[in-house]
Every structure is written in structure tokens, then in C-alpha cells.
Amino acid sequence: MANVKEKSPPLPGVKQSHAALQFEYNARRFGFVLLLLIIAAALSGLFSGGYFSEATKTNAANSVQVEYQRFGRLQSPVELKITLPGQGNAPPDAADWWRIYGANADR
């Protein structure tokens, strides 16, 4: 890219502001770098599901483990996986809970 501080012959009928040209050049350059940083952050999961978003927590007794997303988006489902490492079976899902507790809820 040509340096805007170089002297060039003036064009007839055109007034150039070197300060404005320099500002435009810097805004375009830094804006492009900022755009690349935002795209890299989005791809790495900083705004939603991805490498930096996945997290796992375990209690002190190692009896319960929770896997979740650190960052979520508005109006999108949040997945929460709760496992019991000491148990061989997976925890019951929503259908099992409804079958066990839903029928007895009105009693």
C-alpha cells in the first residue's frame, strides 16, 4: 500500500487532506485486525460452545460431576450433563423422571 505522506502532484479540482487519508488508513488497518480477533474468539468458543466454553466441575468427594458451557447465548438451549462417576448407570433422563415422579405428583 502506498504511503499517504508521499508528495504527489495535486489533481485539478481535488483537495486532499493527508490527515483524513492517514486516519482512514489507520482505521482500516486496525479495524481489520479487530475483526480477525473477533472471528478467532468466536471460532474458539468465547461467545458460545467451543474450546474455551466447555467446563467440568466435580465436588470434593468426586461423587457428582457436572459438564456445562461457560458462555451461552440468549434464546438457545443450555446443555447440562450431570454424571455420578461412582455409579455404573447413567442418570435418569426427563422421561424417567416424569414416569417416576410425574404420576405421583398429584397425590
C-alpha atoms as a PDB file:
ATOM      1  CA  MET A   1       0.000   0.000   0.000  1.00  0.00           C
ATOM      2  CA  ALA A   2       1.340   3.414  -0.857  1.00  0.00           C
ATOM      3  CA  ASN A   3       2.364   5.712   1.926  1.00  0.00           C
ATOM      4  CA  VAL A   4      -0.063   8.638   2.158  1.00  0.00           C
ATOM      5  CA  LYS A   5       2.679  11.041   3.231  1.00  0.00           C
ATOM      6  CA  GLU A   6       4.370  10.920  -0.163  1.00  0.00           C
ATOM      7  CA  LYS A   7       4.115  14.120  -2.158  1.00  0.00           C
ATOM      8  CA  SER A   8       2.191  13.727  -5.353  1.00  0.00           C
ATOM      9  CA  PRO A   9       1.233  16.350  -7.872  1.00  0.00           C
ATOM     10  CA  PRO A  10      -2.098  17.926  -6.961  1.00  0.00           C
ATOM     11  CA  LEU A  11      -5.058  16.953  -9.064  1.00  0.00           C
ATOM     12  CA  PRO A  12      -7.077  19.771 -10.550  1.00  0.00           C
ATOM     13  CA  GLY A  13     -10.276  20.378  -8.569  1.00  0.00           C
ATOM     14  CA  VAL A  14      -9.458  17.854  -5.815  1.00  0.00           C
ATOM     15  CA  LYS A  15      -8.365  18.877  -2.332  1.00  0.00           C
ATOM     16  CA  GLN A  16      -6.708  16.092  -0.374  1.00  0.00           C
ATOM     17  CA  SER A  17      -6.427  16.065   3.375  1.00  0.00           C
ATOM     18  CA  HIS A  18      -3.445  13.995   4.385  1.00  0.00           C
ATOM     19  CA  ALA A  19      -4.727  13.798   7.957  1.00  0.00           C
ATOM     20  CA  ALA A  20      -8.035  12.338   6.773  1.00  0.00           C
ATOM     21  CA  LEU A  21      -6.266   9.871   4.494  1.00  0.00           C
ATOM     22  CA  GLN A  22      -3.961   8.794   7.326  1.00  0.00           C
ATOM     23  CA  PHE A  23      -6.960   8.366   9.662  1.00  0.00           C
ATOM     24  CA  GLU A  24      -8.775   6.241   7.094  1.00  0.00           C
ATOM     25  CA  TYR A  25      -5.685   4.092   6.554  1.00  0.00           C
ATOM     26  CA  ASN A  26      -5.211   3.513  10.304  1.00  0.00           C
ATOM     27  CA  ALA A  27      -8.919   2.819  10.885  1.00  0.00           C
ATOM     28  CA  ARG A  28      -8.959   0.266   8.085  1.00  0.00           C
ATOM     29  CA  ARG A  29      -5.770  -1.422   9.319  1.00  0.00           C
ATOM     30  CA  PHE A  30      -6.790  -1.628  12.996  1.00  0.00           C
ATOM     31  CA  GLY A  31     -10.396  -2.471  12.115  1.00  0.00           C
ATOM     32  CA  PHE A  32      -9.213  -5.451  10.080  1.00  0.00           C
ATOM     33  CA  VAL A  33      -7.081  -6.703  12.982  1.00  0.00           C
ATOM     34  CA  LEU A  34     -10.017  -6.244  15.374  1.00  0.00           C
ATOM     35  CA  LEU A  35     -12.300  -8.152  13.006  1.00  0.00           C
ATOM     36  CA  LEU A  36      -9.802 -11.034  12.849  1.00  0.00           C
ATOM     37  CA  LEU A  37      -9.616 -11.132  16.652  1.00  0.00           C
ATOM     38  CA  ILE A  38     -13.417 -11.261  16.959  1.00  0.00           C
ATOM     39  CA  ILE A  39     -13.617 -14.076  14.394  1.00  0.00           C
ATOM     40  CA  ALA A  40     -10.871 -16.041  16.174  1.00  0.00           C
ATOM     41  CA  ALA A  41     -12.646 -15.585  19.531  1.00  0.00           C
ATOM     42  CA  ALA A  42     -15.933 -16.784  18.056  1.00  0.00           C
ATOM     43  CA  LEU A  43     -14.337 -19.837  16.446  1.00  0.00           C
ATOM     44  CA  SER A  44     -12.580 -20.755  19.681  1.00  0.00           C
ATOM     45  CA  GLY A  45     -15.897 -20.646  21.563  1.00  0.00           C
ATOM     46  CA  LEU A  46     -15.561 -17.476  23.555  1.00  0.00           C
ATOM     47  CA  PHE A  47     -19.140 -16.421  22.739  1.00  0.00           C
ATOM     48  CA  SER A  48     -20.831 -19.831  22.832  1.00  0.00           C
ATOM     49  CA  GLY A  49     -19.992 -23.541  22.520  1.00  0.00           C
ATOM     50  CA  GLY A  50     -16.348 -24.230  21.767  1.00  0.00           C
ATOM     51  CA  TYR A  51     -12.928 -24.937  23.238  1.00  0.00           C
ATOM     52  CA  PHE A  52     -12.927 -22.160  25.863  1.00  0.00           C
ATOM     53  CA  SER A  53     -16.601 -22.597  26.679  1.00  0.00           C
ATOM     54  CA  GLU A  54     -16.599 -26.242  27.797  1.00  0.00           C
ATOM     55  CA  ALA A  55     -16.200 -26.725  31.548  1.00  0.00           C
ATOM     56  CA  THR A  56     -16.411 -29.590  34.029  1.00  0.00           C
ATOM     57  CA  LYS A  57     -16.816 -29.354  37.783  1.00  0.00           C
ATOM     58  CA  THR A  58     -16.624 -32.146  40.345  1.00  0.00           C
ATOM     59  CA  ASN A  59     -17.457 -31.947  44.039  1.00  0.00           C
ATOM     60  CA  ALA A  60     -14.848 -32.629  46.739  1.00  0.00           C
ATOM     61  CA  ALA A  61     -15.964 -36.250  47.253  1.00  0.00           C
ATOM     62  CA  ASN A  62     -15.888 -36.965  43.475  1.00  0.00           C
ATOM     63  CA  SER A  63     -19.441 -38.257  43.684  1.00  0.00           C
ATOM     64  CA  VAL A  64     -21.039 -35.798  41.237  1.00  0.00           C
ATOM     65  CA  GLN A  65     -19.636 -34.378  38.012  1.00  0.00           C
ATOM     66  CA  VAL A  66     -21.268 -31.543  36.035  1.00  0.00           C
ATOM     67  CA  GLU A  67     -20.371 -30.676  32.429  1.00  0.00           C
ATOM     68  CA  TYR A  68     -21.619 -27.326  31.146  1.00  0.00           C
ATOM     69  CA  GLN A  69     -20.915 -24.415  28.794  1.00  0.00           C
ATOM     70  CA  ARG A  70     -19.386 -21.313  30.397  1.00  0.00           C
ATOM     71  CA  PHE A  71     -20.807 -18.999  27.748  1.00  0.00           C
ATOM     72  CA  GLY A  72     -24.355 -19.195  26.465  1.00  0.00           C
ATOM     73  CA  ARG A  73     -26.500 -17.315  24.009  1.00  0.00           C
ATOM     74  CA  LEU A  74     -29.864 -15.749  24.588  1.00  0.00           C
ATOM     75  CA  GLN A  75     -32.777 -17.948  23.439  1.00  0.00           C
ATOM     76  CA  SER A  76     -30.607 -21.003  22.845  1.00  0.00           C
ATOM     77  CA  PRO A  77     -30.802 -24.239  24.822  1.00  0.00           C
ATOM     78  CA  VAL A  78     -28.301 -24.782  27.593  1.00  0.00           C
ATOM     79  CA  GLU A  79     -26.971 -28.306  27.910  1.00  0.00           C
ATOM     80  CA  LEU A  80     -26.108 -29.520  31.377  1.00  0.00           C
ATOM     81  CA  LYS A  81     -24.763 -33.049  31.844  1.00  0.00           C
ATOM     82  CA  ILE A  82     -24.748 -34.424  35.388  1.00  0.00           C
ATOM     83  CA  THR A  83     -22.997 -37.730  35.962  1.00  0.00           C
ATOM     84  CA  LEU A  84     -22.360 -39.844  39.008  1.00  0.00           C
ATOM     85  CA  PRO A  85     -18.834 -41.252  38.484  1.00  0.00           C
ATOM     86  CA  GLY A  86     -19.225 -43.802  41.290  1.00  0.00           C
ATOM     87  CA  GLN A  87     -22.356 -45.258  39.680  1.00  0.00           C
ATOM     88  CA  GLY A  88     -22.233 -47.574  36.702  1.00  0.00           C
ATOM     89  CA  ASN A  89     -25.554 -46.325  35.296  1.00  0.00           C
ATOM     90  CA  ALA A  90     -26.274 -43.043  33.604  1.00  0.00           C
ATOM     91  CA  PRO A  91     -28.570 -40.644  35.466  1.00  0.00           C
ATOM     92  CA  PRO A  92     -32.245 -40.820  34.556  1.00  0.00           C
ATOM     93  CA  ASP A  93     -33.452 -38.584  31.754  1.00  0.00           C
ATOM     94  CA  ALA A  94     -36.599 -36.418  31.705  1.00  0.00           C
ATOM     95  CA  ALA A  95     -38.858 -39.287  30.597  1.00  0.00           C
ATOM     96  CA  ASP A  96     -37.721 -41.412  33.547  1.00  0.00           C
ATOM     97  CA  TRP A  97     -38.306 -38.553  35.985  1.00  0.00           C
ATOM     98  CA  TRP A  98     -41.816 -37.998  34.614  1.00  0.00           C
ATOM     99  CA  ARG A  99     -42.643 -41.709  34.797  1.00  0.00           C
ATOM    100  CA  ILE A 100     -41.382 -41.980  38.380  1.00  0.00           C
ATOM    101  CA  TYR A 101     -42.461 -38.663  39.906  1.00  0.00           C
ATOM    102  CA  GLY A 102     -44.963 -37.145  37.460  1.00  0.00           C
ATOM    103  CA  ALA A 103     -47.699 -39.708  38.034  1.00  0.00           C
ATOM    104  CA  ASN A 104     -47.417 -39.325  41.810  1.00  0.00           C
ATOM    105  CA  ALA A 105     -47.224 -35.518  41.804  1.00  0.00           C
ATOM    106  CA  ASP A 106     -50.962 -35.039  42.399  1.00  0.00           C
ATOM    107  CA  ARG A 107     -51.109 -37.349  45.422  1.00  0.00           C
END
